[in-house]
PDB file of N, CA and C in Angstrom:
ATOM      1  N   MET A   1       0.845  -1.189   0.000  1.00  0.00           N
ATOM      2  CA  MET A   1       0.000   0.000   0.000  1.00  0.00           C
ATOM      3  C   MET A   1       0.887   1.249   0.000  1.00  0.00           C
ATOM      4  N   ASP A   2       0.404   2.249  -0.719  1.00  0.00           N
ATOM      5  CA  ASP A   2       1.137   3.511  -0.785  1.00  0.00           C
ATOM      6  C   ASP A   2       1.158   4.197   0.569  1.00  0.00           C
ATOM      7  N   HIS A   3       2.137   5.056   0.717  1.00  0.00           N
ATOM      8  CA  HIS A   3       2.250   5.949   1.872  1.00  0.00           C
ATOM      9  C   HIS A   3       1.003   6.847   1.910  1.00  0.00           C
ATOM     10  N   ILE A   4       0.367   6.973   3.052  1.00  0.00           N
ATOM     11  CA  ILE A   4      -0.863   7.770   3.185  1.00  0.00           C
ATOM     12  C   ILE A   4      -0.559   9.048   3.965  1.00  0.00           C
ATOM     13  N   THR A   5      -1.034  10.163   3.425  1.00  0.00           N
ATOM     14  CA  THR A   5      -0.901  11.462   4.076  1.00  0.00           C
ATOM     15  C   THR A   5      -2.286  12.096   4.130  1.00  0.00           C
ATOM     16  N   ILE A   6      -2.574  12.803   5.219  1.00  0.00           N
ATOM     17  CA  ILE A   6      -3.832  13.526   5.329  1.00  0.00           C
ATOM     18  C   ILE A   6      -3.536  14.988   5.644  1.00  0.00           C
ATOM     19  N   TRP A   7      -4.138  15.883   4.841  1.00  0.00           N
ATOM     20  CA  TRP A   7      -4.132  17.299   5.197  1.00  0.00           C
ATOM     21  C   TRP A   7      -5.256  17.449   6.194  1.00  0.00           C
ATOM     22  N   HIS A   8      -4.897  17.669   7.441  1.00  0.00           N
ATOM     23  CA  HIS A   8      -5.794  17.501   8.576  1.00  0.00           C
ATOM     24  C   HIS A   8      -6.017  18.814   9.322  1.00  0.00           C
ATOM     25  N   ASN A   9      -7.270  19.010   9.728  1.00  0.00           N
ATOM     26  CA  ASN A   9      -7.629  20.109  10.629  1.00  0.00           C
ATOM     27  C   ASN A   9      -8.294  19.460  11.841  1.00  0.00           C
ATOM     28  N   PRO A  10      -7.585  19.377  12.973  1.00  0.00           N
ATOM     29  CA  PRO A  10      -8.129  18.690  14.146  1.00  0.00           C
ATOM     30  C   PRO A  10      -9.443  19.288  14.656  1.00  0.00           C
ATOM     31  N   ARG A  11      -9.742  20.536  14.308  1.00  0.00           N
ATOM     32  CA  ARG A  11     -10.989  21.159  14.768  1.00  0.00           C
ATOM     33  C   ARG A  11     -12.178  20.813  13.868  1.00  0.00           C
ATOM     34  N   CYS A  12     -11.929  20.146  12.755  1.00  0.00           N
ATOM     35  CA  CYS A  12     -12.986  19.799  11.802  1.00  0.00           C
ATOM     36  C   CYS A  12     -13.472  18.379  12.066  1.00  0.00           C
ATOM     37  N   SER A  13     -14.765  18.221  12.272  1.00  0.00           N
ATOM     38  CA  SER A  13     -15.307  16.897  12.582  1.00  0.00           C
ATOM     39  C   SER A  13     -15.090  15.917  11.428  1.00  0.00           C
ATOM     40  N   LYS A  14     -15.258  16.351  10.190  1.00  0.00           N
ATOM     41  CA  LYS A  14     -15.051  15.448   9.046  1.00  0.00           C
ATOM     42  C   LYS A  14     -13.594  14.992   8.985  1.00  0.00           C
ATOM     43  N   SER A  15     -12.691  15.892   9.304  1.00  0.00           N
ATOM     44  CA  SER A  15     -11.276  15.553   9.296  1.00  0.00           C
ATOM     45  C   SER A  15     -10.971  14.533  10.396  1.00  0.00           C
ATOM     46  N   ARG A  16     -11.523  14.734  11.564  1.00  0.00           N
ATOM     47  CA  ARG A  16     -11.300  13.791  12.681  1.00  0.00           C
ATOM     48  C   ARG A  16     -11.886  12.416  12.362  1.00  0.00           C
ATOM     49  N   VAL A  17     -13.086  12.387  11.780  1.00  0.00           N
ATOM     50  CA  VAL A  17     -13.724  11.107  11.444  1.00  0.00           C
ATOM     51  C   VAL A  17     -12.915  10.383  10.367  1.00  0.00           C
ATOM     52  N   THR A  18     -12.456  11.123   9.363  1.00  0.00           N
ATOM     53  CA  THR A  18     -11.653  10.514   8.298  1.00  0.00           C
ATOM     54  C   THR A  18     -10.379   9.897   8.873  1.00  0.00           C
ATOM     55  N   LEU A  19      -9.688  10.641   9.718  1.00  0.00           N
ATOM     56  CA  LEU A  19      -8.476  10.125  10.355  1.00  0.00           C
ATOM     57  C   LEU A  19      -8.802   8.869  11.162  1.00  0.00           C
ATOM     58  N   GLY A  20      -9.897   8.894  11.908  1.00  0.00           N
ATOM     59  CA  GLY A  20     -10.303   7.735  12.707  1.00  0.00           C
ATOM     60  C   GLY A  20     -10.580   6.510  11.857  1.00  0.00           C
ATOM     61  N   LEU A  21     -11.248   6.693  10.720  1.00  0.00           N
ATOM     62  CA  LEU A  21     -11.538   5.563   9.827  1.00  0.00           C
ATOM     63  C   LEU A  21     -10.249   4.925   9.317  1.00  0.00           C
ATOM     64  N   LEU A  22      -9.283   5.752   8.966  1.00  0.00           N
ATOM     65  CA  LEU A  22      -8.003   5.212   8.504  1.00  0.00           C
ATOM     66  C   LEU A  22      -7.304   4.449   9.622  1.00  0.00           C
ATOM     67  N   GLN A  23      -7.293   5.043  10.827  1.00  0.00           N
ATOM     68  CA  GLN A  23      -6.616   4.405  11.959  1.00  0.00           C
ATOM     69  C   GLN A  23      -7.294   3.095  12.342  1.00  0.00           C
ATOM     70  N   GLU A  24      -8.626   3.037  12.239  1.00  0.00           N
ATOM     71  CA  GLU A  24      -9.353   1.792  12.544  1.00  0.00           C
ATOM     72  C   GLU A  24      -8.932   0.659  11.620  1.00  0.00           C
ATOM     73  N   ARG A  25      -8.462   1.010  10.432  1.00  0.00           N
ATOM     74  CA  ARG A  25      -8.030   0.006   9.457  1.00  0.00           C
ATOM     75  C   ARG A  25      -6.529  -0.213   9.485  1.00  0.00           C
ATOM     76  N   GLY A  26      -5.901   0.248  10.559  1.00  0.00           N
ATOM     77  CA  GLY A  26      -4.477  -0.002  10.742  1.00  0.00           C
ATOM     78  C   GLY A  26      -3.561   0.938   9.980  1.00  0.00           C
ATOM     79  N   VAL A  27      -4.117   2.014   9.433  1.00  0.00           N
ATOM     80  CA  VAL A  27      -3.313   2.989   8.697  1.00  0.00           C
ATOM     81  C   VAL A  27      -3.001   4.152   9.638  1.00  0.00           C
ATOM     82  N   ASP A  28      -1.725   4.479   9.749  1.00  0.00           N
ATOM     83  CA  ASP A  28      -1.319   5.619  10.567  1.00  0.00           C
ATOM     84  C   ASP A  28      -0.766   6.681   9.613  1.00  0.00           C
ATOM     85  N   PRO A  29      -1.644   7.502   9.041  1.00  0.00           N
ATOM     86  CA  PRO A  29      -1.196   8.437   8.025  1.00  0.00           C
ATOM     87  C   PRO A  29      -0.324   9.555   8.600  1.00  0.00           C
ATOM     88  N   VAL A  30       0.526  10.086   7.751  1.00  0.00           N
ATOM     89  CA  VAL A  30       1.263  11.301   8.104  1.00  0.00           C
ATOM     90  C   VAL A  30       0.225  12.413   8.161  1.00  0.00           C
ATOM     91  N   GLN A  31       0.192  13.135   9.269  1.00  0.00           N
ATOM     92  CA  GLN A  31      -0.777  14.214   9.436  1.00  0.00           C
ATOM     93  C   GLN A  31      -0.099  15.550   9.164  1.00  0.00           C
ATOM     94  N   VAL A  32      -0.609  16.248   8.162  1.00  0.00           N
ATOM     95  CA  VAL A  32      -0.124  17.589   7.855  1.00  0.00           C
ATOM     96  C   VAL A  32      -1.209  18.561   8.307  1.00  0.00           C
ATOM     97  N   LYS A  33      -0.902  19.315   9.332  1.00  0.00           N
ATOM     98  CA  LYS A  33      -1.857  20.315   9.823  1.00  0.00           C
ATOM     99  C   LYS A  33      -1.710  21.540   8.928  1.00  0.00           C
ATOM    100  N   TYR A  34      -2.490  21.518   7.847  1.00  0.00           N
ATOM    101  CA  TYR A  34      -2.295  22.475   6.763  1.00  0.00           C
ATOM    102  C   TYR A  34      -2.617  23.918   7.144  1.00  0.00           C
ATOM    103  N   LEU A  35      -3.370  24.134   8.224  1.00  0.00           N
ATOM    104  CA  LEU A  35      -3.615  25.516   8.652  1.00  0.00           C
ATOM    105  C   LEU A  35      -2.356  26.106   9.281  1.00  0.00           C
ATOM    106  N   GLU A  36      -1.551  25.244   9.926  1.00  0.00           N
ATOM    107  CA  GLU A  36      -0.298  25.691  10.542  1.00  0.00           C
ATOM    108  C   GLU A  36       0.855  25.690   9.537  1.00  0.00           C
ATOM    109  N   ASN A  37       0.812  24.753   8.597  1.00  0.00           N
ATOM    110  CA  ASN A  37       1.852  24.609   7.565  1.00  0.00           C
ATOM    111  C   ASN A  37       1.176  24.592   6.203  1.00  0.00           C
ATOM    112  N   PRO A  38       0.758  25.758   5.714  1.00  0.00           N
ATOM    113  CA  PRO A  38      -0.014  25.800   4.468  1.00  0.00           C
ATOM    114  C   PRO A  38       0.765  25.250   3.279  1.00  0.00           C
ATOM    115  N   PRO A  39       0.058  24.567   2.385  1.00  0.00           N
ATOM    116  CA  PRO A  39       0.718  24.092   1.170  1.00  0.00           C
ATOM    117  C   PRO A  39       1.082  25.268   0.262  1.00  0.00           C
ATOM    118  N   THR A  40       2.122  25.081  -0.517  1.00  0.00           N
ATOM    119  CA  THR A  40       2.541  26.089  -1.488  1.00  0.00           C
ATOM    120  C   THR A  40       1.638  26.013  -2.715  1.00  0.00           C
ATOM    121  N   ASP A  41       1.763  26.990  -3.587  1.00  0.00           N
ATOM    122  CA  ASP A  41       1.035  26.942  -4.865  1.00  0.00           C
ATOM    123  C   ASP A  41       1.313  25.622  -5.582  1.00  0.00           C
ATOM    124  N   THR A  42       2.594  25.235  -5.615  1.00  0.00           N
ATOM    125  CA  THR A  42       2.993  24.010  -6.314  1.00  0.00           C
ATOM    126  C   THR A  42       2.349  22.781  -5.677  1.00  0.00           C
ATOM    127  N   GLU A  43       2.339  22.721  -4.342  1.00  0.00           N
ATOM    128  CA  GLU A  43       1.714  21.582  -3.648  1.00  0.00           C
ATOM    129  C   GLU A  43       0.210  21.553  -3.900  1.00  0.00           C
ATOM    130  N   LEU A  44      -0.416  22.724  -3.928  1.00  0.00           N
ATOM    131  CA  LEU A  44      -1.853  22.780  -4.215  1.00  0.00           C
ATOM    132  C   LEU A  44      -2.140  22.300  -5.632  1.00  0.00           C
ATOM    133  N   ARG A  45      -1.319  22.710  -6.578  1.00  0.00           N
ATOM    134  CA  ARG A  45      -1.531  22.275  -7.970  1.00  0.00           C
ATOM    135  C   ARG A  45      -1.359  20.763  -8.095  1.00  0.00           C
ATOM    136  N   ALA A  46      -0.382  20.203  -7.387  1.00  0.00           N
ATOM    137  CA  ALA A  46      -0.192  18.747  -7.389  1.00  0.00           C
ATOM    138  C   ALA A  46      -1.400  18.052  -6.761  1.00  0.00           C
ATOM    139  N   ALA A  47      -1.938  18.631  -5.691  1.00  0.00           N
ATOM    140  CA  ALA A  47      -3.123  18.059  -5.053  1.00  0.00           C
ATOM    141  C   ALA A  47      -4.311  18.084  -6.011  1.00  0.00           C
ATOM    142  N   LEU A  48      -4.472  19.167  -6.736  1.00  0.00           N
ATOM    143  CA  LEU A  48      -5.573  19.276  -7.696  1.00  0.00           C
ATOM    144  C   LEU A  48      -5.465  18.224  -8.789  1.00  0.00           C
ATOM    145  N   ILE A  49      -4.245  17.970  -9.255  1.00  0.00           N
ATOM    146  CA  ILE A  49      -4.034  16.928 -10.265  1.00  0.00           C
ATOM    147  C   ILE A  49      -4.387  15.561  -9.675  1.00  0.00           C
ATOM    148  N   ALA A  50      -3.913  15.289  -8.462  1.00  0.00           N
ATOM    149  CA  ALA A  50      -4.194  14.003  -7.812  1.00  0.00           C
ATOM    150  C   ALA A  50      -5.702  13.818  -7.582  1.00  0.00           C
ATOM    151  N   LEU A  51      -6.377  14.912  -7.242  1.00  0.00           N
ATOM    152  CA  LEU A  51      -7.821  14.854  -6.999  1.00  0.00           C
ATOM    153  C   LEU A  51      -8.614  14.815  -8.301  1.00  0.00           C
ATOM    154  N   GLY A  52      -8.046  15.363  -9.357  1.00  0.00           N
ATOM    155  CA  GLY A  52      -8.748  15.423 -10.635  1.00  0.00           C
ATOM    156  C   GLY A  52      -9.870  16.454 -10.636  1.00  0.00           C
ATOM    157  N   ILE A  53      -9.660  17.562  -9.913  1.00  0.00           N
ATOM    158  CA  ILE A  53     -10.687  18.602  -9.829  1.00  0.00           C
ATOM    159  C   ILE A  53     -10.065  19.972 -10.103  1.00  0.00           C
ATOM    160  N   THR A  54     -10.934  20.969 -10.244  1.00  0.00           N
ATOM    161  CA  THR A  54     -10.483  22.339 -10.478  1.00  0.00           C
ATOM    162  C   THR A  54     -10.296  23.064  -9.148  1.00  0.00           C
ATOM    163  N   PRO A  55      -9.556  24.171  -9.162  1.00  0.00           N
ATOM    164  CA  PRO A  55      -9.427  24.954  -7.940  1.00  0.00           C
ATOM    165  C   PRO A  55     -10.776  25.401  -7.372  1.00  0.00           C
ATOM    166  N   PHE A  56     -11.716  25.737  -8.242  1.00  0.00           N
ATOM    167  CA  PHE A  56     -13.025  26.177  -7.746  1.00  0.00           C
ATOM    168  C   PHE A  56     -13.722  25.058  -6.976  1.00  0.00           C
ATOM    169  N   GLU A  57     -13.494  23.811  -7.382  1.00  0.00           N
ATOM    170  CA  GLU A  57     -14.111  22.672  -6.698  1.00  0.00           C
ATOM    171  C   GLU A  57     -13.462  22.393  -5.346  1.00  0.00           C
ATOM    172  N   LEU A  58     -12.236  22.863  -5.151  1.00  0.00           N
ATOM    173  CA  LEU A  58     -11.516  22.613  -3.903  1.00  0.00           C
ATOM    174  C   LEU A  58     -11.704  23.729  -2.885  1.00  0.00           C
ATOM    175  N   ILE A  59     -12.119  24.892  -3.345  1.00  0.00           N
ATOM    176  CA  ILE A  59     -12.172  26.046  -2.445  1.00  0.00           C
ATOM    177  C   ILE A  59     -13.481  26.064  -1.660  1.00  0.00           C
ATOM    178  N   ARG A  60     -13.364  26.430  -0.387  1.00  0.00           N
ATOM    179  CA  ARG A  60     -14.540  26.515   0.496  1.00  0.00           C
ATOM    180  C   ARG A  60     -15.194  27.886   0.301  1.00  0.00           C
ATOM    181  N   ARG A  61     -16.279  27.882  -0.448  1.00  0.00           N
ATOM    182  CA  ARG A  61     -16.948  29.132  -0.801  1.00  0.00           C
ATOM    183  C   ARG A  61     -17.750  29.724   0.349  1.00  0.00           C
ATOM    184  N   SER A  62     -17.978  28.956   1.400  1.00  0.00           N
ATOM    185  CA  SER A  62     -18.767  29.463   2.533  1.00  0.00           C
ATOM    186  C   SER A  62     -17.920  30.261   3.527  1.00  0.00           C
ATOM    187  N   GLU A  63     -16.596  30.222   3.362  1.00  0.00           N
ATOM    188  CA  GLU A  63     -15.724  30.963   4.278  1.00  0.00           C
ATOM    189  C   GLU A  63     -15.824  32.462   4.008  1.00  0.00           C
ATOM    190  N   ALA A  64     -15.815  33.250   5.075  1.00  0.00           N
ATOM    191  CA  ALA A  64     -15.931  34.708   4.944  1.00  0.00           C
ATOM    192  C   ALA A  64     -14.831  35.276   4.052  1.00  0.00           C
ATOM    193  N   VAL A  65     -13.626  34.730   4.161  1.00  0.00           N
ATOM    194  CA  VAL A  65     -12.505  35.268   3.392  1.00  0.00           C
ATOM    195  C   VAL A  65     -12.722  35.090   1.885  1.00  0.00           C
ATOM    196  N   PHE A  66     -13.504  34.102   1.488  1.00  0.00           N
ATOM    197  CA  PHE A  66     -13.830  33.924   0.066  1.00  0.00           C
ATOM    198  C   PHE A  66     -14.524  35.181  -0.468  1.00  0.00           C
ATOM    199  N   LYS A  67     -15.490  35.657   0.316  1.00  0.00           N
ATOM    200  CA  LYS A  67     -16.220  36.873  -0.083  1.00  0.00           C
ATOM    201  C   LYS A  67     -15.344  38.115   0.077  1.00  0.00           C
ATOM    202  N   GLU A  68     -14.548  38.155   1.149  1.00  0.00           N
ATOM    203  CA  GLU A  68     -13.683  39.316   1.400  1.00  0.00           C
ATOM    204  C   GLU A  68     -12.672  39.520   0.277  1.00  0.00           C
ATOM    205  N   LEU A  69     -12.220  38.428  -0.329  1.00  0.00           N
ATOM    206  CA  LEU A  69     -11.239  38.514  -1.415  1.00  0.00           C
ATOM    207  C   LEU A  69     -11.916  38.718  -2.776  1.00  0.00           C
ATOM    208  N   ASN A  70     -13.244  38.849  -2.764  1.00  0.00           N
ATOM    209  CA  ASN A  70     -14.017  39.021  -4.003  1.00  0.00           C
ATOM    210  C   ASN A  70     -13.794  37.879  -4.987  1.00  0.00           C
ATOM    211  N   LEU A  71     -13.680  36.664  -4.449  1.00  0.00           N
ATOM    212  CA  LEU A  71     -13.521  35.491  -5.304  1.00  0.00           C
ATOM    213  C   LEU A  71     -14.890  35.042  -5.807  1.00  0.00           C
ATOM    214  N   SER A  72     -14.892  34.389  -6.953  1.00  0.00           N
ATOM    215  CA  SER A  72     -16.144  33.892  -7.530  1.00  0.00           C
ATOM    216  C   SER A  72     -15.821  32.809  -8.554  1.00  0.00           C
ATOM    217  N   LYS A  73     -16.858  32.261  -9.150  1.00  0.00           N
ATOM    218  CA  LYS A  73     -16.678  31.260 -10.201  1.00  0.00           C
ATOM    219  C   LYS A  73     -15.909  31.853 -11.373  1.00  0.00           C
ATOM    220  N   ALA A  74     -15.954  33.182 -11.516  1.00  0.00           N
ATOM    221  CA  ALA A  74     -15.250  33.867 -12.601  1.00  0.00           C
ATOM    222  C   ALA A  74     -13.762  34.072 -12.301  1.00  0.00           C
ATOM    223  N   SER A  75     -13.333  33.829 -11.060  1.00  0.00           N
ATOM    224  CA  SER A  75     -11.916  33.977 -10.707  1.00  0.00           C
ATOM    225  C   SER A  75     -11.092  32.971 -11.500  1.00  0.00           C
ATOM    226  N   THR A  76      -9.867  33.361 -11.842  1.00  0.00           N
ATOM    227  CA  THR A  76      -8.999  32.444 -12.576  1.00  0.00           C
ATOM    228  C   THR A  76      -8.475  31.352 -11.639  1.00  0.00           C
ATOM    229  N   ASP A  77      -8.022  30.245 -12.230  1.00  0.00           N
ATOM    230  CA  ASP A  77      -7.425  29.175 -11.429  1.00  0.00           C
ATOM    231  C   ASP A  77      -6.246  29.699 -10.629  1.00  0.00           C
ATOM    232  N   ASP A  78      -5.421  30.555 -11.250  1.00  0.00           N
ATOM    233  CA  ASP A  78      -4.268  31.112 -10.550  1.00  0.00           C
ATOM    234  C   ASP A  78      -4.696  31.935  -9.337  1.00  0.00           C
ATOM    235  N   GLU A  79      -5.755  32.732  -9.490  1.00  0.00           N
ATOM    236  CA  GLU A  79      -6.256  33.534  -8.369  1.00  0.00           C
ATOM    237  C   GLU A  79      -6.736  32.635  -7.231  1.00  0.00           C
ATOM    238  N   LEU A  80      -7.452  31.566  -7.577  1.00  0.00           N
ATOM    239  CA  LEU A  80      -7.991  30.667  -6.557  1.00  0.00           C
ATOM    240  C   LEU A  80      -6.884  29.902  -5.839  1.00  0.00           C
ATOM    241  N   VAL A  81      -5.909  29.400  -6.600  1.00  0.00           N
ATOM    242  CA  VAL A  81      -4.795  28.665  -5.985  1.00  0.00           C
ATOM    243  C   VAL A  81      -4.009  29.605  -5.074  1.00  0.00           C
ATOM    244  N   SER A  82      -3.743  30.805  -5.535  1.00  0.00           N
ATOM    245  CA  SER A  82      -3.016  31.779  -4.729  1.00  0.00           C
ATOM    246  C   SER A  82      -3.777  32.104  -3.440  1.00  0.00           C
ATOM    247  N   ALA A  83      -5.090  32.246  -3.544  1.00  0.00           N
ATOM    248  CA  ALA A  83      -5.912  32.537  -2.363  1.00  0.00           C
ATOM    249  C   ALA A  83      -5.846  31.386  -1.363  1.00  0.00           C
ATOM    250  N   MET A  84      -5.903  30.143  -1.846  1.00  0.00           N
ATOM    251  CA  MET A  84      -5.843  28.992  -0.943  1.00  0.00           C
ATOM    252  C   MET A  84      -4.469  28.881  -0.286  1.00  0.00           C
ATOM    253  N   ALA A  85      -3.410  29.202  -1.028  1.00  0.00           N
ATOM    254  CA  ALA A  85      -2.062  29.149  -0.453  1.00  0.00           C
ATOM    255  C   ALA A  85      -1.892  30.223   0.625  1.00  0.00           C
ATOM    256  N   SER A  86      -2.485  31.389   0.383  1.00  0.00           N
ATOM    257  CA  SER A  86      -2.368  32.497   1.345  1.00  0.00           C
ATOM    258  C   SER A  86      -3.338  32.378   2.514  1.00  0.00           C
ATOM    259  N   HIS A  87      -4.472  31.728   2.273  1.00  0.00           N
ATOM    260  CA  HIS A  87      -5.538  31.577   3.274  1.00  0.00           C
ATOM    261  C   HIS A  87      -5.981  30.107   3.283  1.00  0.00           C
ATOM    262  N   PRO A  88      -5.192  29.236   3.938  1.00  0.00           N
ATOM    263  CA  PRO A  88      -5.476  27.793   3.861  1.00  0.00           C
ATOM    264  C   PRO A  88      -6.832  27.388   4.425  1.00  0.00           C
ATOM    265  N   ILE A  89      -7.498  28.268   5.186  1.00  0.00           N
ATOM    266  CA  ILE A  89      -8.853  27.960   5.661  1.00  0.00           C
ATOM    267  C   ILE A  89      -9.788  27.736   4.473  1.00  0.00           C
ATOM    268  N   LEU A  90      -9.399  28.245   3.298  1.00  0.00           N
ATOM    269  CA  LEU A  90     -10.223  28.104   2.094  1.00  0.00           C
ATOM    270  C   LEU A  90     -10.142  26.709   1.470  1.00  0.00           C
ATOM    271  N   ILE A  91      -9.183  25.893   1.899  1.00  0.00           N
ATOM    272  CA  ILE A  91      -9.003  24.563   1.306  1.00  0.00           C
ATOM    273  C   ILE A  91     -10.033  23.599   1.897  1.00  0.00           C
ATOM    274  N   GLU A  92     -10.775  22.934   1.018  1.00  0.00           N
ATOM    275  CA  GLU A  92     -11.727  21.911   1.476  1.00  0.00           C
ATOM    276  C   GLU A  92     -10.942  20.832   2.193  1.00  0.00           C
ATOM    277  N   ARG A  93     -11.526  20.265   3.224  1.00  0.00           N
ATOM    278  CA  ARG A  93     -10.808  19.305   4.054  1.00  0.00           C
ATOM    279  C   ARG A  93     -11.683  18.130   4.436  1.00  0.00           C
ATOM    280  N   PRO A  94     -11.025  17.083   4.838  1.00  0.00           N
ATOM    281  CA  PRO A  94      -9.601  16.782   4.728  1.00  0.00           C
ATOM    282  C   PRO A  94      -9.283  16.239   3.338  1.00  0.00           C
ATOM    283  N   ILE A  95      -8.023  16.284   2.967  1.00  0.00           N
ATOM    284  CA  ILE A  95      -7.576  15.642   1.728  1.00  0.00           C
ATOM    285  C   ILE A  95      -6.650  14.511   2.129  1.00  0.00           C
ATOM    286  N   VAL A  96      -6.916  13.329   1.569  1.00  0.00           N
ATOM    287  CA  VAL A  96      -6.105  12.145   1.861  1.00  0.00           C
ATOM    288  C   VAL A  96      -5.377  11.757   0.577  1.00  0.00           C
ATOM    289  N   PHE A  97      -4.065  11.568   0.701  1.00  0.00           N
ATOM    290  CA  PHE A  97      -3.211  11.245  -0.438  1.00  0.00           C
ATOM    291  C   PHE A  97      -2.638   9.842  -0.286  1.00  0.00           C
ATOM    292  N   ALA A  98      -2.593   9.118  -1.399  1.00  0.00           N
ATOM    293  CA  ALA A  98      -1.914   7.821  -1.466  1.00  0.00           C
ATOM    294  C   ALA A  98      -1.269   7.737  -2.839  1.00  0.00           C
ATOM    295  N   GLY A  99       0.051   7.783  -2.869  1.00  0.00           N
ATOM    296  CA  GLY A  99       0.745   7.764  -4.155  1.00  0.00           C
ATOM    297  C   GLY A  99       0.345   8.972  -4.982  1.00  0.00           C
ATOM    298  N   LYS A 100      -0.087   8.726  -6.214  1.00  0.00           N
ATOM    299  CA  LYS A 100      -0.473   9.805  -7.116  1.00  0.00           C
ATOM    300  C   LYS A 100      -1.966  10.109  -7.050  1.00  0.00           C
ATOM    301  N   LYS A 101      -2.678   9.451  -6.153  1.00  0.00           N
ATOM    302  CA  LYS A 101      -4.115   9.656  -6.022  1.00  0.00           C
ATOM    303  C   LYS A 101      -4.447  10.406  -4.742  1.00  0.00           C
ATOM    304  N   ALA A 102      -5.615  11.034  -4.754  1.00  0.00           N
ATOM    305  CA  ALA A 102      -6.088  11.736  -3.559  1.00  0.00           C
ATOM    306  C   ALA A 102      -7.605  11.792  -3.596  1.00  0.00           C
ATOM    307  N   VAL A 103      -8.198  11.933  -2.417  1.00  0.00           N
ATOM    308  CA  VAL A 103      -9.645  12.121  -2.291  1.00  0.00           C
ATOM    309  C   VAL A 103      -9.898  13.151  -1.203  1.00  0.00           C
ATOM    310  N   ILE A 104     -11.045  13.798  -1.314  1.00  0.00           N
ATOM    311  CA  ILE A 104     -11.506  14.680  -0.241  1.00  0.00           C
ATOM    312  C   ILE A 104     -12.369  13.820   0.674  1.00  0.00           C
ATOM    313  N   GLY A 105     -12.130  13.903   1.965  1.00  0.00           N
ATOM    314  CA  GLY A 105     -12.864  13.092   2.942  1.00  0.00           C
ATOM    315  C   GLY A 105     -14.243  13.658   3.257  1.00  0.00           C
ATOM    316  N   ARG A 106     -15.027  13.898   2.250  1.00  0.00           N
ATOM    317  CA  ARG A 106     -16.412  14.356   2.390  1.00  0.00           C
ATOM    318  C   ARG A 106     -17.248  13.548   1.423  1.00  0.00           C
ATOM    319  N   PRO A 107     -17.894  12.511   1.854  1.00  0.00           N
ATOM    320  CA  PRO A 107     -17.936  12.001   3.230  1.00  0.00           C
ATOM    321  C   PRO A 107     -16.620  11.308   3.599  1.00  0.00           C
ATOM    322  N   PRO A 108     -16.382  11.145   4.898  1.00  0.00           N
ATOM    323  CA  PRO A 108     -15.130  10.538   5.352  1.00  0.00           C
ATOM    324  C   PRO A 108     -14.833   9.180   4.708  1.00  0.00           C
ATOM    325  N   GLU A 109     -15.876   8.431   4.375  1.00  0.00           N
ATOM    326  CA  GLU A 109     -15.692   7.098   3.786  1.00  0.00           C
ATOM    327  C   GLU A 109     -14.958   7.156   2.443  1.00  0.00           C
ATOM    328  N   ASN A 110     -14.931   8.325   1.799  1.00  0.00           N
ATOM    329  CA  ASN A 110     -14.177   8.458   0.547  1.00  0.00           C
ATOM    330  C   ASN A 110     -12.736   7.999   0.720  1.00  0.00           C
ATOM    331  N   ALA A 111     -12.158   8.257   1.884  1.00  0.00           N
ATOM    332  CA  ALA A 111     -10.754   7.919   2.121  1.00  0.00           C
ATOM    333  C   ALA A 111     -10.502   6.420   1.985  1.00  0.00           C
ATOM    334  N   LEU A 112     -11.514   5.618   2.265  1.00  0.00           N
ATOM    335  CA  LEU A 112     -11.338   4.154   2.212  1.00  0.00           C
ATOM    336  C   LEU A 112     -11.104   3.668   0.794  1.00  0.00           C
ATOM    337  N   ARG A 113     -11.545   4.440  -0.203  1.00  0.00           N
ATOM    338  CA  ARG A 113     -11.316   4.048  -1.612  1.00  0.00           C
ATOM    339  C   ARG A 113      -9.819   3.938  -1.907  1.00  0.00           C
ATOM    340  N   LEU A 114      -9.017   4.747  -1.240  1.00  0.00           N
ATOM    341  CA  LEU A 114      -7.572   4.724  -1.465  1.00  0.00           C
ATOM    342  C   LEU A 114      -6.945   3.442  -0.930  1.00  0.00           C
ATOM    343  N   LEU A 115      -7.598   2.827   0.056  1.00  0.00           N
ATOM    344  CA  LEU A 115      -7.047   1.612   0.666  1.00  0.00           C
ATOM    345  C   LEU A 115      -7.312   0.384  -0.193  1.00  0.00           C
ATOM    346  N   ASP A 116      -8.290   0.483  -1.086  1.00  0.00           N
ATOM    347  CA  ASP A 116      -8.685  -0.664  -1.914  1.00  0.00           C
ATOM    348  C   ASP A 116      -7.791  -0.858  -3.123  1.00  0.00           C
ATOM    349  N   ASP A 117      -7.015   0.169  -3.460  1.00  0.00           N
ATOM    350  CA  ASP A 117      -6.185   0.083  -4.672  1.00  0.00           C
ATOM    351  C   ASP A 117      -4.939  -0.727  -4.450  1.00  0.00           C
TER     352      ASP A 117
END
């Protein structure tokens, strides 16, 4: 099985449940507390490729900072990636990585798909 990493926010219930599901299956993922150690633009772009989604699909549009930065569906990918790198609270969570693949743990059971490969 590939090395498993989780971009984790301990204050987020979905993130805690996702981590728990992995641990229940004997997986002890590397935990990256992305709010304390935000990913770079390059790391975010790699995550987007692994997830197979656009920056708009990864950004948390309900966060106040999304509106404060005047972001929208019309924002460019570069603007959205830059905003997430500067304001990691905007990154949807948790993200679980295994090799070249990744999933968003919403619902938390999504993470289990990575264990089946």
